[in-house]
Amino acid sequence: MGVKLSIGTWAYTFGKYADNPISMEEVAERLSELGFDGLSLGGFKPHGHPDLYPKRKDRKKLVKMFKRHGLSINSYAADLWDYPFATGGGETVDKFEEAFDRSLEMCVDCGIPIIRFDTVTETPYPKDFEYDRTWDIVVETFKKISARAKKAGVLATWEFEPGYIFNKPSEIVKMVQDVSDENFRLLVDTCHVQTCAVVGAKQWGKREVLKGGQLEFYEMVKGMIGDVHLIDSDNKLHDDHTSIHAPFGEGVIDFEEVVPAIRKAGFDSQWWTIDLCFWPDAWEITEASKLYLDGLFTRLGMK
């Protein structure tokens, strides 16, 4: 099986780029020049938000622009962060589901096979946090949106992070088990695996880390992985929230071990996505990031 490389476009709209984002057209042109196979489309303004492409014809034009540059869209990161459904009450749940449906429609119209979401409610946990009740709300909501995605022919993937609730290794596994839907899979970001399973950052209650590190985690989630983001980790957090997405070679992750372990865990897609979220020089190191993975996959005999 060959390898296809993409990169998350949100890296060019977040952080330093928020006030001066790189346009979709410029992103497409640059990724094409660098030999990328595709991109993971950020559903955040000014990129792939449904408001900016309100009709099917608008979305088809966007896809056509990418295809003109030889690029496919391998996944979609939905903009759902305004609706912390797990602790926001029934009205917030409804708004979350409505926003998800709009994002799902975007996926269908653009032919995008995977949609990404998270638990939205941030850590540290609210003072009135009721664990069992909140867990049940998340499970039931994930069941509903996963079923909707399945009906639309789109894979639903949950990206766990240290900055959002339910970030322990055992919780991550149990979430997949409790949702119990083949269309609900994990989006594994290697820097989040490091901070959640090895560092134990921002966990609620008793801290839980794995002695076997990342490799033990992939054994735990065998058969549960639906999408993968590759990036290094320095074991630290960005603004005490999400994991720092450190450039390849500047962190502690051994990708010579991690990538084969992900494959062994049952991830059989051709697509691997680079994630430079919040890295201040994401645009400048895009080429170096791709060259690193080109070399890695060649050494592993995957290209």
Protein backbone atom coordinates (compact mmCIF):
# COMPACT_ATOMS: atom_id res chain seq x y z
CA MET A 1 0.00 0.00 0.00
CA GLY A 2 1.34 3.42 -0.96
CA VAL A 3 1.34 6.59 1.10
CA LYS A 4 -0.48 9.84 0.42
CA LEU A 5 0.42 12.99 2.33
CA SER A 6 -1.85 15.87 3.27
CA ILE A 7 -1.65 18.76 5.71
CA GLY A 8 -4.26 20.49 7.87
CA THR A 9 -5.09 23.91 6.48
CA TRP A 10 -6.05 25.26 9.94
CA ALA A 11 -2.33 25.70 10.62
CA TYR A 12 -2.47 28.69 8.27
CA THR A 13 -5.45 30.34 10.00
CA PHE A 14 -4.74 29.85 13.73
CA GLY A 15 -2.32 31.56 16.09
CA LYS A 16 0.03 33.95 14.36
CA TYR A 17 -1.96 33.58 11.13
CA ALA A 18 -5.32 34.55 12.65
CA ASP A 19 -4.92 38.21 11.70
CA ASN A 20 -3.34 37.46 8.34
CA PRO A 21 -4.42 33.99 7.18
CA ILE A 22 -3.01 32.30 4.11
CA SER A 23 -5.74 32.12 1.46
CA MET A 24 -7.08 28.81 0.21
CA GLU A 25 -5.82 29.55 -3.28
CA GLU A 26 -2.30 30.27 -2.03
CA VAL A 27 -2.33 27.16 0.16
CA ALA A 28 -3.41 25.00 -2.79
CA GLU A 29 -0.75 26.44 -5.07
CA ARG A 30 2.02 25.90 -2.51
CA LEU A 31 0.98 22.38 -1.58
CA SER A 32 0.86 21.45 -5.25
CA GLU A 33 4.37 22.83 -5.79
CA LEU A 34 5.65 20.76 -2.87
CA GLY A 35 4.11 17.55 -4.20
CA PHE A 36 1.40 17.00 -1.59
CA ASP A 37 -1.36 14.60 -2.57
CA GLY A 38 -4.06 16.51 -0.73
CA LEU A 39 -5.14 18.48 2.29
CA SER A 40 -7.27 18.18 5.37
CA LEU A 41 -9.70 21.06 5.06
CA GLY A 42 -10.19 23.26 8.10
CA GLY A 43 -13.84 24.20 8.45
CA PHE A 44 -12.83 27.48 10.07
CA LYS A 45 -13.16 30.91 8.52
CA PRO A 46 -11.70 32.09 6.20
CA HIS A 47 -11.14 28.57 4.83
CA GLY A 48 -13.78 25.84 4.51
CA HIS A 49 -16.59 27.13 6.71
CA PRO A 50 -20.11 26.31 5.41
CA ASP A 51 -21.09 29.99 5.66
CA LEU A 52 -18.48 30.86 3.05
CA TYR A 53 -19.65 28.10 0.72
CA PRO A 54 -23.40 28.12 1.38
CA LYS A 55 -24.56 26.27 -1.73
CA ARG A 56 -23.54 23.06 -3.41
CA LYS A 57 -22.31 24.92 -6.47
CA ASP A 58 -19.99 27.02 -4.29
CA ARG A 59 -18.55 23.89 -2.75
CA LYS A 60 -18.05 22.26 -6.12
CA LYS A 61 -16.04 25.30 -7.22
CA LEU A 62 -13.82 24.89 -4.17
CA VAL A 63 -13.22 21.22 -4.95
CA LYS A 64 -12.55 22.08 -8.59
CA MET A 65 -9.91 24.61 -7.52
CA PHE A 66 -8.12 21.96 -5.45
CA LYS A 67 -8.34 19.40 -8.26
CA ARG A 68 -6.85 21.92 -10.65
CA HIS A 69 -3.79 21.83 -8.41
CA GLY A 70 -3.83 18.03 -8.25
CA LEU A 71 -5.08 17.92 -4.66
CA SER A 72 -7.74 15.81 -2.95
CA ILE A 73 -9.47 16.57 0.36
CA ASN A 74 -8.93 13.59 2.65
CA SER A 75 -10.77 14.90 5.74
CA TYR A 76 -12.66 17.83 7.22
CA ALA A 77 -12.26 19.53 10.62
CA ALA A 78 -15.68 20.88 11.59
CA ASP A 79 -16.00 24.24 13.36
CA LEU A 80 -18.03 23.25 16.44
CA TRP A 81 -16.18 25.00 19.25
CA ASP A 82 -18.96 27.49 20.02
CA TYR A 83 -21.15 24.69 21.32
CA PRO A 84 -19.76 22.90 24.43
CA PHE A 85 -22.56 20.35 24.33
CA ALA A 86 -21.26 18.12 27.10
CA THR A 87 -21.88 20.72 29.81
CA GLY A 88 -23.95 23.38 28.05
CA GLY A 89 -27.45 22.00 28.39
CA GLY A 90 -30.06 20.82 25.91
CA GLU A 91 -30.09 23.96 23.77
CA THR A 92 -26.33 23.76 23.32
CA VAL A 93 -26.60 20.11 22.32
CA ASP A 94 -29.16 21.07 19.67
CA LYS A 95 -26.92 23.82 18.31
CA PHE A 96 -23.94 21.46 18.27
CA GLU A 97 -25.91 18.92 16.27
CA GLU A 98 -27.17 21.58 13.86
CA ALA A 99 -23.62 22.82 13.28
CA PHE A 100 -22.46 19.24 12.80
CA ASP A 101 -25.18 18.61 10.23
CA ARG A 102 -24.10 21.68 8.26
CA SER A 103 -20.50 20.48 8.33
CA LEU A 104 -21.59 16.99 7.31
CA GLU A 105 -23.45 18.48 4.36
CA MET A 106 -20.22 20.25 3.41
CA CYS A 107 -18.44 16.90 3.43
CA VAL A 108 -21.07 15.28 1.24
CA ASP A 109 -21.10 18.11 -1.31
CA CYS A 110 -17.30 18.17 -1.47
CA GLY A 111 -16.88 14.38 -1.49
CA ILE A 112 -14.88 14.41 1.76
CA PRO A 113 -14.81 10.93 3.38
CA ILE A 114 -13.94 11.83 7.00
CA ILE A 115 -15.23 14.43 9.49
CA ARG A 116 -13.38 15.41 12.68
CA PHE A 117 -14.81 16.64 16.01
CA ASP A 118 -14.00 16.64 19.74
CA THR A 119 -15.77 16.78 23.11
CA VAL A 120 -15.63 20.63 22.99
CA THR A 121 -15.90 21.16 26.77
CA GLU A 122 -12.51 22.31 27.97
CA THR A 123 -10.37 21.29 30.90
CA PRO A 124 -9.90 22.11 33.73
CA TYR A 125 -13.22 20.51 34.47
CA PRO A 126 -16.11 22.74 35.56
CA LYS A 127 -16.66 23.01 39.32
CA ASP A 128 -20.11 21.43 39.05
CA PHE A 129 -18.87 18.67 36.76
CA GLU A 130 -20.90 15.46 37.07
CA TYR A 131 -18.75 12.75 35.54
CA ASP A 132 -21.31 10.01 34.85
CA ARG A 133 -23.98 12.37 33.55
CA THR A 134 -21.51 14.20 31.30
CA TRP A 135 -20.08 10.93 30.01
CA ASP A 136 -23.56 9.73 29.04
CA ILE A 137 -24.31 13.00 27.22
CA VAL A 138 -21.12 12.70 25.18
CA VAL A 139 -21.73 9.04 24.36
CA GLU A 140 -25.31 9.63 23.25
CA THR A 141 -24.37 12.68 21.20
CA PHE A 142 -21.50 10.85 19.53
CA LYS A 143 -23.86 7.96 18.75
CA LYS A 144 -26.30 10.32 17.05
CA ILE A 145 -23.79 12.19 14.93
CA SER A 146 -21.96 8.98 14.03
CA ALA A 147 -25.22 7.48 12.78
CA ARG A 148 -25.93 10.60 10.72
CA ALA A 149 -22.44 10.51 9.25
CA LYS A 150 -22.81 6.82 8.42
CA LYS A 151 -26.05 7.50 6.55
CA ALA A 152 -24.20 10.20 4.58
CA GLY A 153 -21.28 7.88 3.79
CA VAL A 154 -18.80 9.83 5.95
CA LEU A 155 -16.59 8.37 8.69
CA ALA A 156 -16.98 10.09 12.09
CA THR A 157 -13.69 10.58 13.94
CA TRP A 158 -13.16 11.85 17.48
CA GLU A 159 -9.90 13.68 18.14
CA PHE A 160 -9.06 13.43 21.83
CA GLU A 161 -6.86 16.20 23.25
CA PRO A 162 -5.48 17.14 26.66
CA GLY A 163 -7.46 20.39 26.61
CA TYR A 164 -10.86 18.68 26.31
CA ILE A 165 -12.66 16.35 28.70
CA PHE A 166 -12.15 12.57 28.63
CA ASN A 167 -8.48 12.47 27.76
CA LYS A 168 -7.16 9.46 29.70
CA PRO A 169 -6.12 6.35 27.75
CA SER A 170 -8.79 4.21 29.43
CA GLU A 171 -11.46 6.86 28.73
CA ILE A 172 -10.46 7.04 25.07
CA VAL A 173 -10.86 3.28 24.68
CA LYS A 174 -14.10 3.18 26.66
CA MET A 175 -15.61 5.98 24.57
CA VAL A 176 -15.20 3.92 21.40
CA GLN A 177 -16.59 0.86 23.17
CA ASP A 178 -19.60 2.72 24.58
CA VAL A 179 -20.49 4.46 21.33
CA SER A 180 -20.22 1.02 19.76
CA ASP A 181 -20.52 2.00 16.12
CA GLU A 182 -18.14 0.90 13.37
CA ASN A 183 -18.57 4.34 11.84
CA PHE A 184 -17.16 6.00 14.98
CA ARG A 185 -13.37 5.88 15.07
CA LEU A 186 -10.47 7.73 16.67
CA LEU A 187 -8.52 10.49 15.03
CA VAL A 188 -5.07 9.85 16.45
CA ASP A 189 -2.75 12.86 16.60
CA THR A 190 0.70 11.71 17.70
CA CYS A 191 1.38 14.81 19.82
CA HIS A 192 -1.94 14.30 21.66
CA VAL A 193 -1.10 10.65 22.27
CA GLN A 194 2.12 11.87 23.88
CA THR A 195 0.51 14.45 26.18
CA CYS A 196 -2.55 12.36 27.03
CA ALA A 197 -1.07 8.88 27.41
CA VAL A 198 2.57 9.51 28.31
CA VAL A 199 2.55 12.89 30.10
CA GLY A 200 -0.96 12.64 31.56
CA ALA A 201 -1.63 16.33 31.02
CA LYS A 202 -4.80 18.00 32.33
CA GLN A 203 -6.47 14.79 33.45
CA TRP A 204 -9.38 14.74 35.93
CA GLY A 205 -8.95 12.74 39.10
CA LYS A 206 -6.17 10.18 39.41
CA ARG A 207 -3.46 10.67 36.81
CA GLU A 208 -3.19 7.87 34.26
CA VAL A 209 -0.07 7.31 32.14
CA LEU A 210 1.20 4.31 30.23
CA LYS A 211 4.55 2.75 31.13
CA GLY A 212 4.83 1.48 27.58
CA GLY A 213 4.30 4.96 26.19
CA GLN A 214 2.93 5.54 22.72
CA LEU A 215 3.47 1.93 21.67
CA GLU A 216 1.29 0.65 24.53
CA PHE A 217 -1.41 3.12 23.56
CA TYR A 218 -1.58 1.83 19.98
CA GLU A 219 -1.95 -1.70 21.31
CA MET A 220 -4.90 -0.50 23.41
CA VAL A 221 -6.69 1.11 20.46
CA LYS A 222 -6.14 -1.66 17.95
CA GLY A 223 -8.95 -1.60 15.39
CA MET A 224 -10.19 1.80 16.58
CA ILE A 225 -8.17 4.23 14.45
CA GLY A 226 -9.91 6.01 11.58
CA ASP A 227 -7.51 8.86 10.79
CA VAL A 228 -4.01 9.96 11.79
CA HIS A 229 -2.25 13.30 12.26
CA LEU A 230 1.53 13.15 12.44
CA ILE A 231 3.59 15.73 14.32
CA ASP A 232 6.24 15.77 17.04
CA SER A 233 5.80 16.65 20.73
CA ASP A 234 8.03 18.29 23.32
CA ASN A 235 5.74 17.07 26.13
CA LYS A 236 4.37 20.59 26.62
CA LEU A 237 1.08 22.39 26.01
CA HIS A 238 0.22 25.43 23.93
CA ASP A 239 -1.39 28.07 26.18
CA ASP A 240 -2.02 25.32 28.76
CA HIS A 241 -4.62 23.80 26.46
CA THR A 242 -3.80 21.78 23.36
CA SER A 243 -0.54 19.90 22.78
CA ILE A 244 2.34 21.81 21.25
CA HIS A 245 2.65 20.59 17.67
CA ALA A 246 6.43 20.66 17.49
CA PRO A 247 8.25 20.33 14.15
CA PHE A 248 9.52 16.86 13.27
CA GLY A 249 12.87 16.21 14.93
CA GLU A 250 12.39 18.86 17.64
CA GLY A 251 10.45 16.63 20.01
CA VAL A 252 10.61 13.24 21.73
CA ILE A 253 8.55 11.01 19.44
CA ASP A 254 10.33 8.15 17.68
CA PHE A 255 8.42 7.96 14.40
CA GLU A 256 10.50 4.98 13.25
CA GLU A 257 8.63 3.04 15.96
CA VAL A 258 5.34 4.94 16.07
CA VAL A 259 4.32 4.71 12.40
CA PRO A 260 4.74 0.89 12.23
CA ALA A 261 2.85 0.64 15.54
CA ILE A 262 -0.05 2.62 14.07
CA ARG A 263 -0.11 0.28 11.08
CA LYS A 264 0.00 -2.73 13.41
CA ALA A 265 -2.98 -1.27 15.28
CA GLY A 266 -5.03 -1.68 12.11
CA PHE A 267 -4.79 1.72 10.44
CA ASP A 268 -4.79 0.80 6.78
CA SER A 269 -5.45 4.10 5.02
CA GLN A 270 -3.04 5.54 2.48
CA TRP A 271 -3.56 9.01 3.94
CA TRP A 272 -1.33 10.54 6.62
CA THR A 273 -1.89 14.18 7.59
CA ILE A 274 0.71 16.63 8.88
CA ASP A 275 -0.63 18.86 11.66
CA LEU A 276 1.22 22.13 12.36
CA CYS A 277 -1.61 23.59 14.44
CA PHE A 278 -0.57 26.82 16.24
CA TRP A 279 3.07 26.49 15.20
CA PRO A 280 4.17 30.09 14.60
CA ASP A 281 6.15 29.32 11.45
CA ALA A 282 3.86 26.65 9.99
CA TRP A 283 3.95 28.14 6.48
CA GLU A 284 7.75 28.36 6.49
CA ILE A 285 8.31 24.76 7.65
CA THR A 286 5.68 23.08 5.48
CA GLU A 287 8.27 21.96 2.94
CA ALA A 288 10.66 20.62 5.59
CA SER A 289 7.80 18.72 7.24
CA LYS A 290 6.91 16.97 4.00
CA LEU A 291 10.54 16.15 3.25
CA TYR A 292 10.88 14.61 6.71
CA LEU A 293 7.93 12.30 6.13
CA ASP A 294 9.02 11.47 2.59
CA GLY A 295 12.30 10.26 4.04
CA LEU A 296 10.62 8.45 6.92
CA PHE A 297 8.18 6.52 4.76
CA THR A 298 10.95 5.65 2.32
CA ARG A 299 13.12 4.24 5.10
CA LEU A 300 10.15 2.25 6.40
CA GLY A 301 9.56 0.81 2.93
CA MET A 302 6.11 2.40 2.65
CA LYS A 303 6.79 4.57 -0.41
